[in-house]
PDB file of all heavy atoms in Angstrom:
ATOM      1  N   GLU A   1     307.271  52.284 -66.089  1.00  0.00           N
ATOM      2  CA  GLU A   1     308.211  52.827 -67.128  1.00  0.00           C
ATOM      3  C   GLU A   1     307.875  52.065 -68.431  1.00  0.00           C
ATOM      4  O   GLU A   1     307.366  50.976 -68.443  1.00  0.00           O
ATOM      5  CB  GLU A   1     309.645  52.574 -66.726  1.00  0.00           C
ATOM      6  CG  GLU A   1     310.090  53.375 -65.505  1.00  0.00           C
ATOM      7  CD  GLU A   1     311.584  53.528 -65.445  1.00  0.00           C
ATOM      8  OE1 GLU A   1     312.185  53.580 -66.528  1.00  0.00           O
ATOM      9  OE2 GLU A   1     312.119  53.646 -64.314  1.00  0.00           O
ATOM     10  N   VAL A   2     308.229  52.724 -69.551  1.00  0.00           N
ATOM     11  CA  VAL A   2     308.118  52.088 -70.843  1.00  0.00           C
ATOM     12  C   VAL A   2     309.437  51.417 -71.140  1.00  0.00           C
ATOM     13  O   VAL A   2     310.457  52.039 -71.188  1.00  0.00           O
ATOM     14  CB  VAL A   2     307.770  53.127 -71.918  1.00  0.00           C
ATOM     15  CG1 VAL A   2     307.799  52.491 -73.319  1.00  0.00           C
ATOM     16  CG2 VAL A   2     306.431  53.795 -71.630  1.00  0.00           C
ATOM     17  N   TYR A   3     309.404  50.096 -71.389  1.00  0.00           N
ATOM     18  CA  TYR A   3     310.650  49.404 -71.677  1.00  0.00           C
ATOM     19  C   TYR A   3     310.843  49.223 -73.162  1.00  0.00           C
ATOM     20  O   TYR A   3     311.972  48.920 -73.617  1.00  0.00           O
ATOM     21  CB  TYR A   3     310.708  48.075 -70.939  1.00  0.00           C
ATOM     22  CG  TYR A   3     309.812  46.970 -71.536  1.00  0.00           C
ATOM     23  CD1 TYR A   3     310.293  46.100 -72.535  1.00  0.00           C
ATOM     24  CD2 TYR A   3     308.547  46.738 -71.082  1.00  0.00           C
ATOM     25  CE1 TYR A   3     309.515  45.086 -73.087  1.00  0.00           C
ATOM     26  CE2 TYR A   3     307.761  45.706 -71.550  1.00  0.00           C
ATOM     27  CZ  TYR A   3     308.258  44.920 -72.614  1.00  0.00           C
ATOM     28  OH  TYR A   3     307.445  43.916 -73.061  1.00  0.00           O
ATOM     29  N   LYS A   4     309.736  49.406 -73.998  1.00  0.00           N
ATOM     30  CA  LYS A   4     309.931  49.161 -75.377  1.00  0.00           C
ATOM     31  C   LYS A   4     308.821  49.902 -76.161  1.00  0.00           C
ATOM     32  O   LYS A   4     307.670  49.961 -75.689  1.00  0.00           O
ATOM     33  CB  LYS A   4     309.861  47.668 -75.684  1.00  0.00           C
ATOM     34  CG  LYS A   4     310.073  47.278 -77.147  1.00  0.00           C
ATOM     35  CD  LYS A   4     310.033  45.769 -77.269  1.00  0.00           C
ATOM     36  CE  LYS A   4     310.268  45.309 -78.708  1.00  0.00           C
ATOM     37  NZ  LYS A   4     310.272  43.821 -78.841  1.00  0.00           N
ATOM     38  N   THR A   5     309.136  50.417 -77.299  1.00  0.00           N
ATOM     39  CA  THR A   5     308.143  51.062 -78.174  1.00  0.00           C
ATOM     40  C   THR A   5     308.173  50.430 -79.537  1.00  0.00           C
ATOM     41  O   THR A   5     309.274  50.284 -80.115  1.00  0.00           O
ATOM     42  CB  THR A   5     308.391  52.594 -78.303  1.00  0.00           C
ATOM     43  OG1 THR A   5     308.299  53.192 -76.975  1.00  0.00           O
ATOM     44  CG2 THR A   5     307.295  53.270 -79.196  1.00  0.00           C
ATOM     45  N   VAL A   6     307.018  49.919 -79.988  1.00  0.00           N
ATOM     46  CA  VAL A   6     306.968  49.295 -81.303  1.00  0.00           C
ATOM     47  C   VAL A   6     305.867  50.070 -82.112  1.00  0.00           C
ATOM     48  O   VAL A   6     304.659  49.897 -81.794  1.00  0.00           O
ATOM     49  CB  VAL A   6     306.620  47.792 -81.202  1.00  0.00           C
ATOM     50  CG1 VAL A   6     306.620  47.162 -82.609  1.00  0.00           C
ATOM     51  CG2 VAL A   6     307.570  47.059 -80.281  1.00  0.00           C
ATOM     52  N   GLY A   7     306.285  50.888 -83.071  1.00  0.00           N
ATOM     53  CA  GLY A   7     305.298  51.724 -83.753  1.00  0.00           C
ATOM     54  C   GLY A   7     304.637  52.669 -82.823  1.00  0.00           C
ATOM     55  O   GLY A   7     305.350  53.457 -82.097  1.00  0.00           O
ATOM     56  N   ASP A   8     303.367  52.534 -82.704  1.00  0.00           N
ATOM     57  CA  ASP A   8     302.610  53.396 -81.733  1.00  0.00           C
ATOM     58  C   ASP A   8     302.340  52.721 -80.405  1.00  0.00           C
ATOM     59  O   ASP A   8     301.703  53.287 -79.515  1.00  0.00           O
ATOM     60  CB  ASP A   8     301.234  53.780 -82.368  1.00  0.00           C
ATOM     61  CG  ASP A   8     301.395  54.685 -83.568  1.00  0.00           C
ATOM     62  OD1 ASP A   8     302.376  55.399 -83.686  1.00  0.00           O
ATOM     63  OD2 ASP A   8     300.494  54.571 -84.469  1.00  0.00           O
ATOM     64  N   THR A   9     302.853  51.548 -80.250  1.00  0.00           N
ATOM     65  CA  THR A   9     302.609  50.761 -79.048  1.00  0.00           C
ATOM     66  C   THR A   9     303.741  50.946 -78.021  1.00  0.00           C
ATOM     67  O   THR A   9     304.915  50.742 -78.327  1.00  0.00           O
ATOM     68  CB  THR A   9     302.495  49.262 -79.363  1.00  0.00           C
ATOM     69  OG1 THR A   9     301.370  49.056 -80.263  1.00  0.00           O
ATOM     70  CG2 THR A   9     302.278  48.436 -78.073  1.00  0.00           C
ATOM     71  N   LYS A  10     303.351  51.418 -76.864  1.00  0.00           N
ATOM     72  CA  LYS A  10     304.349  51.537 -75.752  1.00  0.00           C
ATOM     73  C   LYS A  10     304.056  50.430 -74.771  1.00  0.00           C
ATOM     74  O   LYS A  10     302.925  50.250 -74.322  1.00  0.00           O
ATOM     75  CB  LYS A  10     304.185  52.918 -75.106  1.00  0.00           C
ATOM     76  CG  LYS A  10     304.515  54.085 -75.994  1.00  0.00           C
ATOM     77  CD  LYS A  10     304.468  55.406 -75.268  1.00  0.00           C
ATOM     78  CE  LYS A  10     304.706  56.573 -76.190  1.00  0.00           C
ATOM     79  NZ  LYS A  10     306.069  56.513 -76.733  1.00  0.00           N
ATOM     80  N   LEU A  11     305.111  49.640 -74.467  1.00  0.00           N
ATOM     81  CA  LEU A  11     304.996  48.529 -73.510  1.00  0.00           C
ATOM     82  C   LEU A  11     305.526  48.899 -72.186  1.00  0.00           C
ATOM     83  O   LEU A  11     306.666  49.248 -72.022  1.00  0.00           O
ATOM     84  CB  LEU A  11     305.753  47.285 -74.074  1.00  0.00           C
ATOM     85  CG  LEU A  11     305.232  46.778 -75.404  1.00  0.00           C
ATOM     86  CD1 LEU A  11     306.082  45.636 -75.939  1.00  0.00           C
ATOM     87  CD2 LEU A  11     303.768  46.226 -75.291  1.00  0.00           C
ATOM     88  N   ASN A  12     304.659  48.806 -71.162  1.00  0.00           N
ATOM     89  CA  ASN A  12     305.038  49.189 -69.773  1.00  0.00           C
ATOM     90  C   ASN A  12     305.592  48.021 -69.050  1.00  0.00           C
ATOM     91  O   ASN A  12     305.317  46.875 -69.248  1.00  0.00           O
ATOM     92  CB  ASN A  12     303.749  49.669 -69.038  1.00  0.00           C
ATOM     93  CG  ASN A  12     303.202  51.029 -69.567  1.00  0.00           C
ATOM     94  OD1 ASN A  12     304.022  51.769 -70.180  1.00  0.00           O
ATOM     95  ND2 ASN A  12     301.956  51.248 -69.325  1.00  0.00           N
ATOM     96  N   ILE A  13     306.453  48.438 -68.077  1.00  0.00           N
ATOM     97  CA  ILE A  13     306.914  47.448 -67.060  1.00  0.00           C
ATOM     98  C   ILE A  13     306.579  48.091 -65.714  1.00  0.00           C
ATOM     99  O   ILE A  13     306.785  49.266 -65.478  1.00  0.00           O
ATOM    100  CB  ILE A  13     308.395  47.129 -67.177  1.00  0.00           C
ATOM    101  CG1 ILE A  13     308.782  45.986 -66.262  1.00  0.00           C
ATOM    102  CG2 ILE A  13     309.301  48.311 -66.978  1.00  0.00           C
ATOM    103  CD1 ILE A  13     310.123  45.319 -66.603  1.00  0.00           C
ATOM    104  N   TYR A  14     305.949  47.288 -64.830  1.00  0.00           N
ATOM    105  CA  TYR A  14     305.456  47.753 -63.519  1.00  0.00           C
ATOM    106  C   TYR A  14     306.410  47.278 -62.473  1.00  0.00           C
ATOM    107  O   TYR A  14     306.680  46.075 -62.276  1.00  0.00           O
ATOM    108  CB  TYR A  14     304.060  47.212 -63.312  1.00  0.00           C
ATOM    109  CG  TYR A  14     303.076  47.670 -64.364  1.00  0.00           C
ATOM    110  CD1 TYR A  14     303.027  47.022 -65.619  1.00  0.00           C
ATOM    111  CD2 TYR A  14     302.298  48.826 -64.111  1.00  0.00           C
ATOM    112  CE1 TYR A  14     302.125  47.476 -66.580  1.00  0.00           C
ATOM    113  CE2 TYR A  14     301.432  49.274 -65.195  1.00  0.00           C
ATOM    114  CZ  TYR A  14     301.317  48.614 -66.340  1.00  0.00           C
ATOM    115  OH  TYR A  14     300.485  49.013 -67.348  1.00  0.00           O
ATOM    116  N   ILE A  15     307.024  48.170 -61.706  1.00  0.00           N
ATOM    117  CA  ILE A  15     308.165  47.915 -60.877  1.00  0.00           C
ATOM    118  C   ILE A  15     307.796  48.125 -59.412  1.00  0.00           C
ATOM    119  O   ILE A  15     307.441  49.222 -59.004  1.00  0.00           O
ATOM    120  CB  ILE A  15     309.356  48.833 -61.208  1.00  0.00           C
ATOM    121  CG1 ILE A  15     309.695  48.746 -62.735  1.00  0.00           C
ATOM    122  CG2 ILE A  15     310.612  48.511 -60.360  1.00  0.00           C
ATOM    123  CD1 ILE A  15     310.588  49.825 -63.203  1.00  0.00           C
ATOM    124  N   TYR A  16     307.990  47.059 -58.649  1.00  0.00           N
ATOM    125  CA  TYR A  16     307.788  47.106 -57.191  1.00  0.00           C
ATOM    126  C   TYR A  16     309.145  47.046 -56.508  1.00  0.00           C
ATOM    127  O   TYR A  16     309.909  46.113 -56.742  1.00  0.00           O
ATOM    128  CB  TYR A  16     306.865  45.999 -56.716  1.00  0.00           C
ATOM    129  CG  TYR A  16     305.483  46.116 -57.158  1.00  0.00           C
ATOM    130  CD1 TYR A  16     305.051  45.599 -58.390  1.00  0.00           C
ATOM    131  CD2 TYR A  16     304.534  46.765 -56.334  1.00  0.00           C
ATOM    132  CE1 TYR A  16     303.697  45.788 -58.754  1.00  0.00           C
ATOM    133  CE2 TYR A  16     303.197  46.887 -56.739  1.00  0.00           C
ATOM    134  CZ  TYR A  16     302.799  46.407 -57.944  1.00  0.00           C
ATOM    135  OH  TYR A  16     301.463  46.549 -58.329  1.00  0.00           O
ATOM    136  N   GLU A  17     309.420  47.970 -55.668  1.00  0.00           N
ATOM    137  CA  GLU A  17     310.743  48.136 -54.960  1.00  0.00           C
ATOM    138  C   GLU A  17     310.644  47.824 -53.507  1.00  0.00           C
ATOM    139  O   GLU A  17     309.594  48.090 -52.870  1.00  0.00           O
ATOM    140  CB  GLU A  17     311.257  49.494 -55.170  1.00  0.00           C
ATOM    141  CG  GLU A  17     311.512  49.927 -56.589  1.00  0.00           C
ATOM    142  CD  GLU A  17     311.947  51.353 -56.763  1.00  0.00           C
ATOM    143  OE1 GLU A  17     311.676  52.175 -55.793  1.00  0.00           O
ATOM    144  OE2 GLU A  17     312.585  51.676 -57.772  1.00  0.00           O
ATOM    145  N   PRO A  18     311.670  47.275 -52.950  1.00  0.00           N
ATOM    146  CA  PRO A  18     311.757  47.067 -51.502  1.00  0.00           C
ATOM    147  C   PRO A  18     311.747  48.400 -50.766  1.00  0.00           C
ATOM    148  O   PRO A  18     312.152  49.389 -51.342  1.00  0.00           O
ATOM    149  CB  PRO A  18     313.086  46.365 -51.261  1.00  0.00           C
ATOM    150  CG  PRO A  18     313.473  45.839 -52.602  1.00  0.00           C
ATOM    151  CD  PRO A  18     312.886  46.770 -53.559  1.00  0.00           C
ATOM    152  N   GLU A  19     311.293  48.426 -49.534  1.00  0.00           N
ATOM    153  CA  GLU A  19     311.297  49.638 -48.781  1.00  0.00           C
ATOM    154  C   GLU A  19     312.743  50.176 -48.612  1.00  0.00           C
ATOM    155  O   GLU A  19     313.676  49.398 -48.393  1.00  0.00           O
ATOM    156  CB  GLU A  19     310.719  49.314 -47.368  1.00  0.00           C
ATOM    157  CG  GLU A  19     310.568  50.551 -46.499  1.00  0.00           C
ATOM    158  CD  GLU A  19     309.900  50.255 -45.150  1.00  0.00           C
ATOM    159  OE1 GLU A  19     309.484  49.088 -44.972  1.00  0.00           O
ATOM    160  OE2 GLU A  19     309.833  51.160 -44.338  1.00  0.00           O
ATOM    161  N   GLY A  20     312.875  51.474 -48.835  1.00  0.00           N
ATOM    162  CA  GLY A  20     314.207  52.089 -48.743  1.00  0.00           C
ATOM    163  C   GLY A  20     315.111  51.870 -49.909  1.00  0.00           C
ATOM    164  O   GLY A  20     316.293  52.233 -49.879  1.00  0.00           O
ATOM    165  N   HIS A  21     314.573  51.326 -50.953  1.00  0.00           N
ATOM    166  CA  HIS A  21     315.389  50.974 -52.215  1.00  0.00           C
ATOM    167  C   HIS A  21     315.879  52.280 -52.894  1.00  0.00           C
ATOM    168  O   HIS A  21     315.152  53.246 -52.899  1.00  0.00           O
ATOM    169  CB  HIS A  21     314.572  50.109 -53.113  1.00  0.00           C
ATOM    170  CG  HIS A  21     315.356  49.660 -54.347  1.00  0.00           C
ATOM    171  ND1 HIS A  21     316.399  48.791 -54.255  1.00  0.00           N
ATOM    172  CD2 HIS A  21     315.258  49.992 -55.651  1.00  0.00           C
ATOM    173  CE1 HIS A  21     316.906  48.568 -55.467  1.00  0.00           C
ATOM    174  NE2 HIS A  21     316.216  49.280 -56.337  1.00  0.00           N
ATOM    175  N   LYS A  22     317.018  52.216 -53.484  1.00  0.00           N
ATOM    176  CA  LYS A  22     317.559  53.368 -54.179  1.00  0.00           C
ATOM    177  C   LYS A  22     318.392  52.897 -55.358  1.00  0.00           C
ATOM    178  O   LYS A  22     318.887  51.794 -55.400  1.00  0.00           O
ATOM    179  CB  LYS A  22     318.379  54.252 -53.242  1.00  0.00           C
ATOM    180  CG  LYS A  22     319.593  53.550 -52.598  1.00  0.00           C
ATOM    181  CD  LYS A  22     320.279  54.481 -51.629  1.00  0.00           C
ATOM    182  CE  LYS A  22     321.494  53.843 -50.971  1.00  0.00           C
ATOM    183  NZ  LYS A  22     321.189  52.599 -50.239  1.00  0.00           N
ATOM    184  N   ALA A  23     318.586  53.802 -56.291  1.00  0.00           N
ATOM    185  CA  ALA A  23     319.501  53.530 -57.435  1.00  0.00           C
ATOM    186  C   ALA A  23     320.825  53.231 -56.939  1.00  0.00           C
ATOM    187  O   ALA A  23     321.345  53.801 -56.017  1.00  0.00           O
ATOM    188  CB  ALA A  23     319.461  54.781 -58.351  1.00  0.00           C
ATOM    189  N   GLY A  24     321.479  52.273 -57.606  1.00  0.00           N
ATOM    190  CA  GLY A  24     322.791  51.868 -57.215  1.00  0.00           C
ATOM    191  C   GLY A  24     322.868  50.655 -56.293  1.00  0.00           C
ATOM    192  O   GLY A  24     323.883  50.000 -56.091  1.00  0.00           O
ATOM    193  N   ASP A  25     321.702  50.294 -55.743  1.00  0.00           N
ATOM    194  CA  ASP A  25     321.647  49.085 -54.920  1.00  0.00           C
ATOM    195  C   ASP A  25     321.835  47.878 -55.829  1.00  0.00           C
ATOM    196  O   ASP A  25     321.640  47.932 -57.039  1.00  0.00           O
ATOM    197  CB  ASP A  25     320.258  48.944 -54.254  1.00  0.00           C
ATOM    198  CG  ASP A  25     320.085  49.901 -53.050  1.00  0.00           C
ATOM    199  OD1 ASP A  25     321.070  50.569 -52.697  1.00  0.00           O
ATOM    200  OD2 ASP A  25     318.921  50.008 -52.537  1.00  0.00           O
ATOM    201  N   GLN A  26     322.254  46.801 -55.229  1.00  0.00           N
ATOM    202  CA  GLN A  26     322.469  45.577 -55.991  1.00  0.00           C
ATOM    203  C   GLN A  26     321.518  44.482 -55.543  1.00  0.00           C
ATOM    204  O   GLN A  26     321.845  43.473 -55.090  1.00  0.00           O
ATOM    205  CB  GLN A  26     323.929  45.084 -55.811  1.00  0.00           C
ATOM    206  CG  GLN A  26     324.999  45.929 -56.471  1.00  0.00           C
ATOM    207  CD  GLN A  26     325.123  45.607 -57.949  1.00  0.00           C
ATOM    208  OE1 GLN A  26     325.466  44.514 -58.334  1.00  0.00           O
ATOM    209  NE2 GLN A  26     324.834  46.571 -58.819  1.00  0.00           N
ATOM    210  N   ARG A  27     320.235  44.833 -55.757  1.00  0.00           N
ATOM    211  CA  ARG A  27     319.122  43.925 -55.331  1.00  0.00           C
ATOM    212  C   ARG A  27     318.932  42.841 -56.435  1.00  0.00           C
ATOM    213  O   ARG A  27     319.024  43.109 -57.636  1.00  0.00           O
ATOM    214  CB  ARG A  27     317.837  44.622 -55.166  1.00  0.00           C
ATOM    215  CG  ARG A  27     317.908  45.755 -54.144  1.00  0.00           C
ATOM    216  CD  ARG A  27     317.598  45.300 -52.754  1.00  0.00           C
ATOM    217  NE  ARG A  27     317.376  46.434 -51.885  1.00  0.00           N
ATOM    218  CZ  ARG A  27     316.924  46.316 -50.655  1.00  0.00           C
ATOM    219  NH1 ARG A  27     316.629  45.137 -50.153  1.00  0.00           N
ATOM    220  NH2 ARG A  27     316.735  47.417 -49.884  1.00  0.00           N
ATOM    221  N   PRO A  28     318.569  41.648 -56.070  1.00  0.00           N
ATOM    222  CA  PRO A  28     318.096  40.664 -57.051  1.00  0.00           C
ATOM    223  C   PRO A  28     316.792  41.134 -57.659  1.00  0.00           C
ATOM    224  O   PRO A  28     316.019  41.839 -57.040  1.00  0.00           O
ATOM    225  CB  PRO A  28     317.937  39.367 -56.253  1.00  0.00           C
ATOM    226  CG  PRO A  28     317.682  39.842 -54.848  1.00  0.00           C
ATOM    227  CD  PRO A  28     318.497  41.071 -54.644  1.00  0.00           C
ATOM    228  N   GLY A  29     316.511  40.771 -58.890  1.00  0.00           N
ATOM    229  CA  GLY A  29     315.317  41.165 -59.592  1.00  0.00           C
ATOM    230  C   GLY A  29     314.619  39.978 -60.251  1.00  0.00           C
ATOM    231  O   GLY A  29     315.208  38.941 -60.487  1.00  0.00           O
ATOM    232  N   ILE A  30     313.300  40.242 -60.541  1.00  0.00           N
ATOM    233  CA  ILE A  30     312.583  39.258 -61.251  1.00  0.00           C
ATOM    234  C   ILE A  30     311.556  39.981 -62.170  1.00  0.00           C
ATOM    235  O   ILE A  30     311.025  41.006 -61.775  1.00  0.00           O
ATOM    236  CB  ILE A  30     311.838  38.256 -60.315  1.00  0.00           C
ATOM    237  CG1 ILE A  30     311.171  37.152 -61.109  1.00  0.00           C
ATOM    238  CG2 ILE A  30     310.824  39.011 -59.414  1.00  0.00           C
ATOM    239  CD1 ILE A  30     310.705  35.953 -60.239  1.00  0.00           C
ATOM    240  N   VAL A  31     311.369  39.407 -63.360  1.00  0.00           N
ATOM    241  CA  VAL A  31     310.407  39.951 -64.317  1.00  0.00           C
ATOM    242  C   VAL A  31     309.357  38.865 -64.574  1.00  0.00           C
ATOM    243  O   VAL A  31     309.692  37.787 -65.027  1.00  0.00           O
ATOM    244  CB  VAL A  31     311.023  40.385 -65.664  1.00  0.00           C
ATOM    245  CG1 VAL A  31     309.923  40.993 -66.546  1.00  0.00           C
ATOM    246  CG2 VAL A  31     312.121  41.411 -65.395  1.00  0.00           C
ATOM    247  N   PHE A  32     308.047  39.190 -64.307  1.00  0.00           N
ATOM    248  CA  PHE A  32     306.978  38.242 -64.524  1.00  0.00           C
ATOM    249  C   PHE A  32     306.225  38.540 -65.817  1.00  0.00           C
ATOM    250  O   PHE A  32     305.984  39.732 -66.196  1.00  0.00           O
ATOM    251  CB  PHE A  32     305.971  38.292 -63.361  1.00  0.00           C
ATOM    252  CG  PHE A  32     306.396  37.680 -62.107  1.00  0.00           C
ATOM    253  CD1 PHE A  32     306.856  38.384 -61.044  1.00  0.00           C
ATOM    254  CD2 PHE A  32     306.388  36.274 -62.016  1.00  0.00           C
ATOM    255  CE1 PHE A  32     307.223  37.804 -59.860  1.00  0.00           C
ATOM    256  CE2 PHE A  32     306.791  35.648 -60.812  1.00  0.00           C
ATOM    257  CZ  PHE A  32     307.250  36.401 -59.754  1.00  0.00           C
ATOM    258  N   PHE A  33     305.798  37.513 -66.523  1.00  0.00           N
ATOM    259  CA  PHE A  33     305.008  37.606 -67.719  1.00  0.00           C
ATOM    260  C   PHE A  33     303.626  36.920 -67.572  1.00  0.00           C
ATOM    261  O   PHE A  33     303.630  35.769 -67.136  1.00  0.00           O
ATOM    262  CB  PHE A  33     305.783  37.022 -68.920  1.00  0.00           C
ATOM    263  CG  PHE A  33     307.144  37.649 -69.117  1.00  0.00           C
ATOM    264  CD1 PHE A  33     308.289  37.039 -68.688  1.00  0.00           C
ATOM    265  CD2 PHE A  33     307.211  38.865 -69.795  1.00  0.00           C
ATOM    266  CE1 PHE A  33     309.518  37.601 -68.848  1.00  0.00           C
ATOM    267  CE2 PHE A  33     308.474  39.466 -70.003  1.00  0.00           C
ATOM    268  CZ  PHE A  33     309.603  38.849 -69.512  1.00  0.00           C
ATOM    269  N   PHE A  34     302.584  37.616 -67.822  1.00  0.00           N
ATOM    270  CA  PHE A  34     301.173  37.092 -67.589  1.00  0.00           C
ATOM    271  C   PHE A  34     300.811  36.044 -68.573  1.00  0.00           C
ATOM    272  O   PHE A  34     301.397  35.926 -69.686  1.00  0.00           O
ATOM    273  CB  PHE A  34     300.240  38.278 -67.655  1.00  0.00           C
ATOM    274  CG  PHE A  34     300.167  39.011 -68.948  1.00  0.00           C
ATOM    275  CD1 PHE A  34     299.420  38.614 -70.029  1.00  0.00           C
ATOM    276  CD2 PHE A  34     300.942  40.192 -69.077  1.00  0.00           C
ATOM    277  CE1 PHE A  34     299.393  39.311 -71.216  1.00  0.00           C
ATOM    278  CE2 PHE A  34     300.899  40.898 -70.265  1.00  0.00           C
ATOM    279  CZ  PHE A  34     300.138  40.434 -71.352  1.00  0.00           C
ATOM    280  N   GLY A  35     299.827  35.273 -68.233  1.00  0.00           N
ATOM    281  CA  GLY A  35     299.254  34.297 -69.121  1.00  0.00           C
ATOM    282  C   GLY A  35     298.059  34.823 -69.878  1.00  0.00           C
ATOM    283  O   GLY A  35     297.526  35.871 -69.649  1.00  0.00           O
ATOM    284  N   GLY A  36     297.575  33.991 -70.854  1.00  0.00           N
ATOM    285  CA  GLY A  36     296.423  34.429 -71.645  1.00  0.00           C
ATOM    286  C   GLY A  36     296.557  33.937 -73.074  1.00  0.00           C
ATOM    287  O   GLY A  36     295.929  34.464 -73.958  1.00  0.00           O
ATOM    288  N   GLY A  37     297.336  32.897 -73.309  1.00  0.00           N
ATOM    289  CA  GLY A  37     297.342  32.219 -74.593  1.00  0.00           C
ATOM    290  C   GLY A  37     298.005  33.042 -75.721  1.00  0.00           C
ATOM    291  O   GLY A  37     297.634  32.889 -76.880  1.00  0.00           O
ATOM    292  N   TRP A  38     298.879  33.958 -75.338  1.00  0.00           N
ATOM    293  CA  TRP A  38     299.474  34.898 -76.312  1.00  0.00           C
ATOM    294  C   TRP A  38     298.407  35.744 -76.982  1.00  0.00           C
ATOM    295  O   TRP A  38     298.620  36.402 -77.990  1.00  0.00           O
ATOM    296  CB  TRP A  38     300.293  34.154 -77.375  1.00  0.00           C
ATOM    297  CG  TRP A  38     301.252  33.131 -76.883  1.00  0.00           C
ATOM    298  CD1 TRP A  38     302.392  33.378 -76.227  1.00  0.00           C
ATOM    299  CD2 TRP A  38     301.046  31.747 -76.964  1.00  0.00           C
ATOM    300  NE1 TRP A  38     303.037  32.179 -75.923  1.00  0.00           N
ATOM    301  CE2 TRP A  38     302.206  31.173 -76.330  1.00  0.00           C
ATOM    302  CE3 TRP A  38     300.103  30.892 -77.442  1.00  0.00           C
ATOM    303  CZ2 TRP A  38     302.411  29.785 -76.248  1.00  0.00           C
ATOM    304  CZ3 TRP A  38     300.271  29.520 -77.321  1.00  0.00           C
ATOM    305  CH2 TRP A  38     301.391  28.969 -76.713  1.00  0.00           C
ATOM    306  N   SER A  39     297.213  35.790 -76.372  1.00  0.00           N
ATOM    307  CA  SER A  39     296.078  36.417 -77.007  1.00  0.00           C
ATOM    308  C   SER A  39     295.478  37.576 -76.167  1.00  0.00           C
ATOM    309  O   SER A  39     295.037  38.517 -76.674  1.00  0.00           O
ATOM    310  CB  SER A  39     294.943  35.370 -77.281  1.00  0.00           C
ATOM    311  OG  SER A  39     293.830  35.992 -77.875  1.00  0.00           O
ATOM    312  N   GLY A  40     295.505  37.427 -74.870  1.00  0.00           N
ATOM    313  CA  GLY A  40     295.017  38.437 -73.955  1.00  0.00           C
ATOM    314  C   GLY A  40     295.788  38.345 -72.609  1.00  0.00           C
ATOM    315  O   GLY A  40     296.876  37.847 -72.530  1.00  0.00           O
ATOM    316  N   GLY A  41     295.127  38.860 -71.605  1.00  0.00           N
ATOM    317  CA  GLY A  41     295.782  38.841 -70.231  1.00  0.00           C
ATOM    318  C   GLY A  41     296.265  40.145 -69.787  1.00  0.00           C
ATOM    319  O   GLY A  41     296.178  41.181 -70.508  1.00  0.00           O
ATOM    320  N   SER A  42     296.751  40.212 -68.556  1.00  0.00           N
ATOM    321  CA  SER A  42     297.128  41.470 -67.943  1.00  0.00           C
ATOM    322  C   SER A  42     298.328  41.257 -66.956  1.00  0.00           C
ATOM    323  O   SER A  42     298.356  40.218 -66.224  1.00  0.00           O
ATOM    324  CB  SER A  42     295.945  42.024 -67.158  1.00  0.00           C
ATOM    325  OG  SER A  42     296.403  43.109 -66.343  1.00  0.00           O
ATOM    326  N   PRO A  43     299.232  42.222 -66.875  1.00  0.00           N
ATOM    327  CA  PRO A  43     300.327  42.148 -65.854  1.00  0.00           C
ATOM    328  C   PRO A  43     299.793  42.129 -64.422  1.00  0.00           C
ATOM    329  O   PRO A  43     300.549  41.706 -63.536  1.00  0.00           O
ATOM    330  CB  PRO A  43     301.059  43.536 -66.102  1.00  0.00           C
ATOM    331  CG  PRO A  43     300.811  43.800 -67.541  1.00  0.00           C
ATOM    332  CD  PRO A  43     299.406  43.419 -67.779  1.00  0.00           C
ATOM    333  N   LYS A  44     298.497  42.449 -64.229  1.00  0.00           N
ATOM    334  CA  LYS A  44     297.979  42.340 -62.853  1.00  0.00           C
ATOM    335  C   LYS A  44     297.986  40.921 -62.304  1.00  0.00           C
ATOM    336  O   LYS A  44     297.895  40.724 -61.140  1.00  0.00           O
ATOM    337  CB  LYS A  44     296.521  42.916 -62.855  1.00  0.00           C
ATOM    338  CG  LYS A  44     296.457  44.441 -62.813  1.00  0.00           C
ATOM    339  CD  LYS A  44     295.057  44.919 -62.577  1.00  0.00           C
ATOM    340  CE  LYS A  44     294.575  44.716 -61.164  1.00  0.00           C
ATOM    341  NZ  LYS A  44     295.339  45.565 -60.242  1.00  0.00           N
ATOM    342  N   GLN A  45     298.113  39.935 -63.169  1.00  0.00           N
ATOM    343  CA  GLN A  45     298.072  38.551 -62.718  1.00  0.00           C
ATOM    344  C   GLN A  45     299.168  38.350 -61.698  1.00  0.00           C
ATOM    345  O   GLN A  45     298.954  37.548 -60.746  1.00  0.00           O
ATOM    346  CB  GLN A  45     298.304  37.573 -63.911  1.00  0.00           C
ATOM    347  CG  GLN A  45     298.309  36.123 -63.462  1.00  0.00           C
ATOM    348  CD  GLN A  45     298.594  35.178 -64.651  1.00  0.00           C
ATOM    349  OE1 GLN A  45     299.068  35.569 -65.703  1.00  0.00           O
ATOM    350  NE2 GLN A  45     298.358  33.902 -64.425  1.00  0.00           N
ATOM    351  N   PHE A  46     300.310  38.995 -61.777  1.00  0.00           N
ATOM    352  CA  PHE A  46     301.412  38.750 -60.843  1.00  0.00           C
ATOM    353  C   PHE A  46     301.608  39.902 -59.876  1.00  0.00           C
ATOM    354  O   PHE A  46     302.695  40.075 -59.312  1.00  0.00           O
ATOM    355  CB  PHE A  46     302.681  38.441 -61.621  1.00  0.00           C
ATOM    356  CG  PHE A  46     302.656  37.025 -62.182  1.00  0.00           C
ATOM    357  CD1 PHE A  46     302.248  36.751 -63.506  1.00  0.00           C
ATOM    358  CD2 PHE A  46     302.967  35.958 -61.362  1.00  0.00           C
ATOM    359  CE1 PHE A  46     302.224  35.459 -63.973  1.00  0.00           C
ATOM    360  CE2 PHE A  46     302.883  34.655 -61.860  1.00  0.00           C
ATOM    361  CZ  PHE A  46     302.508  34.397 -63.129  1.00  0.00           C
TER     362      PHE A  46
END
């Protein structure tokens, strides 16, 4: 999903769900941010 748009840049968030997960569940969540010196890198790191 796109969580933010800045100008022409669309920023994606990649979401992994537990088996059988559905909207309305109250699951704990976590958001990971990749490394790369604020210069490069990829969400694939996590």
